[in-house]
């Protein structure tokens, strides 16, 4: 894959409560859809440009969502669906909230939360911001580059876990992730929300990495070292 169709950010974010049915989740480990079992997802080629493309499109969709002052609150690969191998859709806005004249949403009702994808403030204080979605995006990147592993295996939601989270606990680097990709994850997991990047910046960085990967593949096919 050397070039991909250009899509508007708004096309990658399904409108809340008007979701059209799509065939497959991004992937479930060992249960990839038939059209996603090609060489681009084989265990021998985990750094395929398709993973960068998915990550780029998710960042683009979240840039659109956050730009309209919406907090998704449940960003994870289980809520990313494949319209085709080269087009992902951001879905499930059931926990989303619209911000108006503020930048933080504080929940006042107990609810089941996707705790392995949330930061300390969301878990302990029930406070959600765009920075919360950025943290979740970092976990989603980790899921992509592990081909669907579950973060924090063996952990349970308890005071000790949240204390470790506040002290800097985060998923370890996936074997297939480059240094640059893992650095993006670490930026998303900054314990200080103010230190986390914007989705626009994440989209730009992933776009640059995607172009670099495509350029390297073109050189390889041309016979260059």
C-alpha atoms as a PDB file:
ATOM      1  CA  UNK A   1       0.000   0.000   0.000  1.00  0.00           C
ATOM      2  CA  UNK A   2       1.574   3.240  -1.108  1.00  0.00           C
ATOM      3  CA  UNK A   3      -1.346   5.632  -1.286  1.00  0.00           C
ATOM      4  CA  UNK A   4      -4.683   5.803   0.435  1.00  0.00           C
ATOM      5  CA  UNK A   5      -7.923   7.591  -0.393  1.00  0.00           C
ATOM      6  CA  UNK A   6      -8.268  10.981   1.233  1.00  0.00           C
ATOM      7  CA  UNK A   7     -11.207  11.200   3.616  1.00  0.00           C
ATOM      8  CA  UNK A   8     -12.604  14.111   5.550  1.00  0.00           C
ATOM      9  CA  UNK A   9     -12.376  13.887   9.337  1.00  0.00           C
ATOM     10  CA  UNK A  10     -16.158  14.234   9.565  1.00  0.00           C
ATOM     11  CA  UNK A  11     -16.549  11.117   7.416  1.00  0.00           C
ATOM     12  CA  UNK A  12     -14.573   9.064   9.929  1.00  0.00           C
ATOM     13  CA  UNK A  13     -16.760   9.974  12.907  1.00  0.00           C
ATOM     14  CA  UNK A  14     -20.175   8.397  12.834  1.00  0.00           C
ATOM     15  CA  UNK A  15     -22.941  10.751  13.957  1.00  0.00           C
ATOM     16  CA  UNK A  16     -24.211   9.899  17.475  1.00  0.00           C
ATOM     17  CA  UNK A  17     -27.319   7.699  17.580  1.00  0.00           C
ATOM     18  CA  UNK A  18     -27.464   7.482  13.780  1.00  0.00           C
ATOM     19  CA  UNK A  19     -24.930   4.737  13.314  1.00  0.00           C
ATOM     20  CA  UNK A  20     -25.354   2.649  10.219  1.00  0.00           C
ATOM     21  CA  UNK A  21     -24.487  -1.025  10.660  1.00  0.00           C
ATOM     22  CA  UNK A  22     -20.929  -1.955   9.762  1.00  0.00           C
ATOM     23  CA  UNK A  23     -19.597  -5.439   9.351  1.00  0.00           C
ATOM     24  CA  UNK A  24     -16.689  -5.795  11.753  1.00  0.00           C
ATOM     25  CA  UNK A  25     -14.890  -4.385  14.743  1.00  0.00           C
ATOM     26  CA  UNK A  26     -11.386  -3.103  13.972  1.00  0.00           C
ATOM     27  CA  UNK A  27     -10.297  -6.547  14.973  1.00  0.00           C
ATOM     28  CA  UNK A  28     -10.655  -9.012  17.781  1.00  0.00           C
ATOM     29  CA  UNK A  29      -7.496 -10.972  18.480  1.00  0.00           C
ATOM     30  CA  UNK A  30      -7.431 -14.221  16.478  1.00  0.00           C
ATOM     31  CA  UNK A  31     -10.792 -13.304  14.895  1.00  0.00           C
ATOM     32  CA  UNK A  32      -9.821 -10.960  12.081  1.00  0.00           C
ATOM     33  CA  UNK A  33     -12.388 -10.461   9.315  1.00  0.00           C
ATOM     34  CA  UNK A  34     -11.655 -12.436   6.171  1.00  0.00           C
ATOM     35  CA  UNK A  35     -10.509  -9.408   4.175  1.00  0.00           C
ATOM     36  CA  UNK A  36      -8.107  -8.366   6.958  1.00  0.00           C
ATOM     37  CA  UNK A  37      -6.063 -11.553   6.987  1.00  0.00           C
ATOM     38  CA  UNK A  38      -3.832 -10.593   4.079  1.00  0.00           C
ATOM     39  CA  UNK A  39      -0.062 -10.150   4.281  1.00  0.00           C
ATOM     40  CA  UNK A  40      -0.499  -6.643   5.624  1.00  0.00           C
ATOM     41  CA  UNK A  41      -1.645  -8.109   8.953  1.00  0.00           C
ATOM     42  CA  UNK A  42       0.486 -11.221   9.103  1.00  0.00           C
ATOM     43  CA  UNK A  43       2.657 -11.778  12.155  1.00  0.00           C
ATOM     44  CA  UNK A  44       5.716 -11.342   9.943  1.00  0.00           C
ATOM     45  CA  UNK A  45       4.701  -7.851   8.876  1.00  0.00           C
ATOM     46  CA  UNK A  46       3.210  -6.170  11.931  1.00  0.00           C
ATOM     47  CA  UNK A  47       4.669  -2.762  11.029  1.00  0.00           C
ATOM     48  CA  UNK A  48       2.508  -2.588   7.933  1.00  0.00           C
ATOM     49  CA  UNK A  49       1.311   0.855   6.770  1.00  0.00           C
ATOM     50  CA  UNK A  50      -2.258  -0.299   7.385  1.00  0.00           C
ATOM     51  CA  UNK A  51      -1.738   0.058  11.150  1.00  0.00           C
ATOM     52  CA  UNK A  52      -0.496   3.623  10.665  1.00  0.00           C
ATOM     53  CA  UNK A  53      -3.461   4.330   8.418  1.00  0.00           C
ATOM     54  CA  UNK A  54      -5.937   3.131  11.025  1.00  0.00           C
ATOM     55  CA  UNK A  55      -4.239   5.169  13.750  1.00  0.00           C
ATOM     56  CA  UNK A  56      -4.144   8.258  11.507  1.00  0.00           C
ATOM     57  CA  UNK A  57      -7.841   7.985  10.665  1.00  0.00           C
ATOM     58  CA  UNK A  58      -8.830   7.533  14.323  1.00  0.00           C
ATOM     59  CA  UNK A  59      -6.812  10.632  15.246  1.00  0.00           C
ATOM     60  CA  UNK A  60      -8.455  12.512  12.390  1.00  0.00           C
ATOM     61  CA  UNK A  61     -11.930  11.490  13.555  1.00  0.00           C
ATOM     62  CA  UNK A  62     -11.119  12.501  17.130  1.00  0.00           C
ATOM     63  CA  UNK A  63      -9.792  15.859  15.935  1.00  0.00           C
ATOM     64  CA  UNK A  64     -13.209  16.417  14.344  1.00  0.00           C
ATOM     65  CA  UNK A  65     -15.092  15.278  17.478  1.00  0.00           C
ATOM     66  CA  UNK A  66     -12.988  17.306  19.923  1.00  0.00           C
ATOM     67  CA  UNK A  67     -13.187  20.330  17.633  1.00  0.00           C
ATOM     68  CA  UNK A  68     -16.942  20.286  18.222  1.00  0.00           C
ATOM     69  CA  UNK A  69     -16.395  20.184  21.993  1.00  0.00           C
ATOM     70  CA  UNK A  70     -17.535  16.595  22.376  1.00  0.00           C
ATOM     71  CA  UNK A  71     -15.859  14.176  24.781  1.00  0.00           C
ATOM     72  CA  UNK A  72     -16.177  10.606  23.556  1.00  0.00           C
ATOM     73  CA  UNK A  73     -15.308   8.955  26.912  1.00  0.00           C
ATOM     74  CA  UNK A  74     -15.124   5.418  25.468  1.00  0.00           C
ATOM     75  CA  UNK A  75     -12.395   5.510  22.836  1.00  0.00           C
ATOM     76  CA  UNK A  76     -11.080   1.957  22.299  1.00  0.00           C
ATOM     77  CA  UNK A  77     -10.619  -0.384  19.357  1.00  0.00           C
ATOM     78  CA  UNK A  78     -13.857  -2.185  20.257  1.00  0.00           C
ATOM     79  CA  UNK A  79     -15.589   1.020  19.185  1.00  0.00           C
ATOM     80  CA  UNK A  80     -13.651   1.375  15.927  1.00  0.00           C
ATOM     81  CA  UNK A  81     -15.313  -0.407  13.038  1.00  0.00           C
ATOM     82  CA  UNK A  82     -14.012  -1.272   9.589  1.00  0.00           C
ATOM     83  CA  UNK A  83     -16.002   0.071   6.650  1.00  0.00           C
ATOM     84  CA  UNK A  84     -13.243  -1.416   4.491  1.00  0.00           C
ATOM     85  CA  UNK A  85      -9.653  -2.445   5.060  1.00  0.00           C
ATOM     86  CA  UNK A  86      -8.558   1.149   4.444  1.00  0.00           C
ATOM     87  CA  UNK A  87     -11.415   3.019   6.150  1.00  0.00           C
ATOM     88  CA  UNK A  88     -12.208   2.932   9.860  1.00  0.00           C
ATOM     89  CA  UNK A  89     -15.229   4.487  11.588  1.00  0.00           C
ATOM     90  CA  UNK A  90     -15.403   5.903  15.094  1.00  0.00           C
ATOM     91  CA  UNK A  91     -18.597   4.712  16.792  1.00  0.00           C
ATOM     92  CA  UNK A  92     -20.447   4.266  20.107  1.00  0.00           C
ATOM     93  CA  UNK A  93     -21.118   7.708  21.512  1.00  0.00           C
ATOM     94  CA  UNK A  94     -23.184   6.325  24.380  1.00  0.00           C
ATOM     95  CA  UNK A  95     -20.882   7.839  27.031  1.00  0.00           C
ATOM     96  CA  UNK A  96     -20.110  11.023  25.097  1.00  0.00           C
ATOM     97  CA  UNK A  97     -20.835  14.489  26.473  1.00  0.00           C
ATOM     98  CA  UNK A  98     -21.119  17.870  24.768  1.00  0.00           C
ATOM     99  CA  UNK A  99     -19.207  20.729  26.363  1.00  0.00           C
ATOM    100  CA  UNK A 100     -20.579  24.228  26.034  1.00  0.00           C
ATOM    101  CA  UNK A 101     -18.886  26.972  28.052  1.00  0.00           C
ATOM    102  CA  UNK A 102     -16.453  24.742  29.920  1.00  0.00           C
ATOM    103  CA  UNK A 103     -13.647  22.317  29.180  1.00  0.00           C
ATOM    104  CA  UNK A 104     -14.357  19.681  31.819  1.00  0.00           C
ATOM    105  CA  UNK A 105     -17.328  17.388  32.322  1.00  0.00           C
ATOM    106  CA  UNK A 106     -17.920  16.109  35.865  1.00  0.00           C
ATOM    107  CA  UNK A 107     -20.185  13.101  36.114  1.00  0.00           C
ATOM    108  CA  UNK A 108     -22.702  12.977  38.933  1.00  0.00           C
ATOM    109  CA  UNK A 109     -24.062   9.474  38.457  1.00  0.00           C
ATOM    110  CA  UNK A 110     -22.270   6.160  39.059  1.00  0.00           C
ATOM    111  CA  UNK A 111     -21.870   4.161  35.877  1.00  0.00           C
ATOM    112  CA  UNK A 112     -19.830   1.302  34.490  1.00  0.00           C
ATOM    113  CA  UNK A 113     -16.685   2.829  33.028  1.00  0.00           C
ATOM    114  CA  UNK A 114     -14.067   1.335  30.669  1.00  0.00           C
ATOM    115  CA  UNK A 115     -11.450   1.740  33.401  1.00  0.00           C
ATOM    116  CA  UNK A 116      -8.502   0.232  31.532  1.00  0.00           C
ATOM    117  CA  UNK A 117      -8.803   3.029  28.961  1.00  0.00           C
ATOM    118  CA  UNK A 118      -9.236   5.963  31.367  1.00  0.00           C
ATOM    119  CA  UNK A 119      -6.883   8.238  33.273  1.00  0.00           C
ATOM    120  CA  UNK A 120      -6.734   8.854  37.004  1.00  0.00           C
ATOM    121  CA  UNK A 121      -8.978  11.938  37.012  1.00  0.00           C
ATOM    122  CA  UNK A 122     -11.751  10.092  35.193  1.00  0.00           C
ATOM    123  CA  UNK A 123     -11.548   7.086  37.513  1.00  0.00           C
ATOM    124  CA  UNK A 124     -11.055   8.834  40.835  1.00  0.00           C
ATOM    125  CA  UNK A 125     -12.779  12.183  40.343  1.00  0.00           C
ATOM    126  CA  UNK A 126     -15.207  11.324  37.517  1.00  0.00           C
ATOM    127  CA  UNK A 127     -13.783  14.277  35.564  1.00  0.00           C
ATOM    128  CA  UNK A 128     -13.604  14.060  31.781  1.00  0.00           C
ATOM    129  CA  UNK A 129     -11.877  16.359  29.289  1.00  0.00           C
ATOM    130  CA  UNK A 130     -10.469  16.060  25.797  1.00  0.00           C
ATOM    131  CA  UNK A 131      -7.275  15.057  27.614  1.00  0.00           C
ATOM    132  CA  UNK A 132      -9.152  11.987  28.850  1.00  0.00           C
ATOM    133  CA  UNK A 133      -9.840  11.017  25.234  1.00  0.00           C
ATOM    134  CA  UNK A 134      -6.179  11.596  24.382  1.00  0.00           C
ATOM    135  CA  UNK A 135      -5.187   9.147  27.142  1.00  0.00           C
ATOM    136  CA  UNK A 136      -7.667   6.607  25.747  1.00  0.00           C
ATOM    137  CA  UNK A 137      -6.272   7.159  22.262  1.00  0.00           C
ATOM    138  CA  UNK A 138      -2.844   6.159  23.551  1.00  0.00           C
ATOM    139  CA  UNK A 139      -4.320   2.903  24.840  1.00  0.00           C
ATOM    140  CA  UNK A 140      -6.076   2.387  21.495  1.00  0.00           C
ATOM    141  CA  UNK A 141      -2.713   2.806  19.735  1.00  0.00           C
ATOM    142  CA  UNK A 142      -1.313   0.159  22.078  1.00  0.00           C
ATOM    143  CA  UNK A 143      -4.195  -2.158  21.137  1.00  0.00           C
ATOM    144  CA  UNK A 144      -3.529  -1.626  17.441  1.00  0.00           C
ATOM    145  CA  UNK A 145       0.172  -2.432  17.673  1.00  0.00           C
ATOM    146  CA  UNK A 146      -0.492  -5.530  19.797  1.00  0.00           C
ATOM    147  CA  UNK A 147      -3.216  -6.652  17.372  1.00  0.00           C
ATOM    148  CA  UNK A 148      -5.866  -6.606  20.047  1.00  0.00           C
ATOM    149  CA  UNK A 149      -4.280  -7.441  23.394  1.00  0.00           C
ATOM    150  CA  UNK A 150      -6.073  -6.217  26.529  1.00  0.00           C
ATOM    151  CA  UNK A 151      -4.154  -3.556  28.508  1.00  0.00           C
ATOM    152  CA  UNK A 152      -3.045  -4.123  32.105  1.00  0.00           C
ATOM    153  CA  UNK A 153      -3.414  -7.923  32.183  1.00  0.00           C
ATOM    154  CA  UNK A 154      -3.790  -9.237  35.714  1.00  0.00           C
ATOM    155  CA  UNK A 155      -4.817  -5.873  37.171  1.00  0.00           C
ATOM    156  CA  UNK A 156      -8.139  -5.109  38.824  1.00  0.00           C
ATOM    157  CA  UNK A 157      -9.738  -1.743  39.508  1.00  0.00           C
ATOM    158  CA  UNK A 158      -8.706  -0.938  43.061  1.00  0.00           C
ATOM    159  CA  UNK A 159      -7.012   1.782  45.091  1.00  0.00           C
ATOM    160  CA  UNK A 160      -3.585   0.251  44.442  1.00  0.00           C
ATOM    161  CA  UNK A 161      -4.111   0.292  40.683  1.00  0.00           C
ATOM    162  CA  UNK A 162      -5.166   3.941  40.699  1.00  0.00           C
ATOM    163  CA  UNK A 163      -2.217   4.846  42.897  1.00  0.00           C
ATOM    164  CA  UNK A 164       0.116   3.165  40.392  1.00  0.00           C
ATOM    165  CA  UNK A 165      -1.662   4.964  37.553  1.00  0.00           C
ATOM    166  CA  UNK A 166      -1.045   8.307  39.225  1.00  0.00           C
ATOM    167  CA  UNK A 167       2.608   7.327  39.697  1.00  0.00           C
ATOM    168  CA  UNK A 168       3.077   6.661  35.992  1.00  0.00           C
ATOM    169  CA  UNK A 169       1.850   3.113  35.355  1.00  0.00           C
ATOM    170  CA  UNK A 170       1.152   2.509  31.670  1.00  0.00           C
ATOM    171  CA  UNK A 171       1.187  -0.414  29.217  1.00  0.00           C
ATOM    172  CA  UNK A 172       4.612  -1.622  28.151  1.00  0.00           C
ATOM    173  CA  UNK A 173       5.865  -1.095  24.618  1.00  0.00           C
ATOM    174  CA  UNK A 174       4.373  -3.515  22.071  1.00  0.00           C
ATOM    175  CA  UNK A 175       7.005  -5.594  20.291  1.00  0.00           C
ATOM    176  CA  UNK A 176       5.798  -4.372  16.895  1.00  0.00           C
ATOM    177  CA  UNK A 177       5.758  -0.661  17.779  1.00  0.00           C
ATOM    178  CA  UNK A 178       8.570   1.583  16.633  1.00  0.00           C
ATOM    179  CA  UNK A 179      10.246   4.033  19.010  1.00  0.00           C
ATOM    180  CA  UNK A 180       8.302   6.875  17.394  1.00  0.00           C
ATOM    181  CA  UNK A 181       4.935   5.162  17.836  1.00  0.00           C
ATOM    182  CA  UNK A 182       5.624   4.304  21.469  1.00  0.00           C
ATOM    183  CA  UNK A 183       6.710   7.876  22.144  1.00  0.00           C
ATOM    184  CA  UNK A 184       3.310   9.005  20.871  1.00  0.00           C
ATOM    185  CA  UNK A 185       1.670   6.609  23.330  1.00  0.00           C
ATOM    186  CA  UNK A 186       3.780   7.951  26.184  1.00  0.00           C
ATOM    187  CA  UNK A 187       2.825  11.529  25.273  1.00  0.00           C
ATOM    188  CA  UNK A 188      -0.833  10.534  25.534  1.00  0.00           C
ATOM    189  CA  UNK A 189      -0.220   9.011  28.982  1.00  0.00           C
ATOM    190  CA  UNK A 190       1.262  12.108  30.587  1.00  0.00           C
ATOM    191  CA  UNK A 191      -0.183  12.181  34.122  1.00  0.00           C
ATOM    192  CA  UNK A 192      -0.690  15.935  33.703  1.00  0.00           C
ATOM    193  CA  UNK A 193      -3.512  16.580  31.214  1.00  0.00           C
ATOM    194  CA  UNK A 194      -1.861  19.863  30.241  1.00  0.00           C
ATOM    195  CA  UNK A 195       1.156  17.957  28.943  1.00  0.00           C
ATOM    196  CA  UNK A 196      -0.833  15.765  26.565  1.00  0.00           C
ATOM    197  CA  UNK A 197      -0.886  16.615  22.867  1.00  0.00           C
ATOM    198  CA  UNK A 198      -3.889  17.644  20.818  1.00  0.00           C
ATOM    199  CA  UNK A 199      -5.493  15.303  18.326  1.00  0.00           C
ATOM    200  CA  UNK A 200      -4.395  17.643  15.529  1.00  0.00           C
ATOM    201  CA  UNK A 201      -0.760  17.189  16.565  1.00  0.00           C
ATOM    202  CA  UNK A 202      -1.194  13.420  16.874  1.00  0.00           C
ATOM    203  CA  UNK A 203      -2.757  13.274  13.426  1.00  0.00           C
ATOM    204  CA  UNK A 204       0.121  15.246  11.940  1.00  0.00           C
ATOM    205  CA  UNK A 205       2.740  13.017  13.588  1.00  0.00           C
ATOM    206  CA  UNK A 206       1.027   9.832  12.432  1.00  0.00           C
ATOM    207  CA  UNK A 207       0.673  11.278   8.938  1.00  0.00           C
ATOM    208  CA  UNK A 208       4.417  11.984   8.836  1.00  0.00           C
ATOM    209  CA  UNK A 209       5.214   8.463  10.049  1.00  0.00           C
ATOM    210  CA  UNK A 210       2.851   6.979   7.488  1.00  0.00           C
ATOM    211  CA  UNK A 211       4.515   8.910   4.666  1.00  0.00           C
ATOM    212  CA  UNK A 212       7.937   7.788   5.863  1.00  0.00           C
ATOM    213  CA  UNK A 213       6.858   4.142   5.961  1.00  0.00           C
ATOM    214  CA  UNK A 214       5.368   4.381   2.476  1.00  0.00           C
ATOM    215  CA  UNK A 215       8.540   6.046   1.210  1.00  0.00           C
ATOM    216  CA  UNK A 216      10.704   3.263   2.620  1.00  0.00           C
ATOM    217  CA  UNK A 217       8.521   0.632   0.964  1.00  0.00           C
ATOM    218  CA  UNK A 218       8.776   2.407  -2.379  1.00  0.00           C
ATOM    219  CA  UNK A 219      12.595   2.470  -2.070  1.00  0.00           C
ATOM    220  CA  UNK A 220      12.659  -1.239  -1.181  1.00  0.00           C
ATOM    221  CA  UNK A 221      10.557  -2.122  -4.204  1.00  0.00           C
ATOM    222  CA  UNK A 222      12.828  -0.014  -6.389  1.00  0.00           C
ATOM    223  CA  UNK A 223      15.855  -1.960  -5.166  1.00  0.00           C
ATOM    224  CA  UNK A 224      17.409   0.690  -2.952  1.00  0.00           C
ATOM    225  CA  UNK A 225      19.007  -0.046   0.413  1.00  0.00           C
END
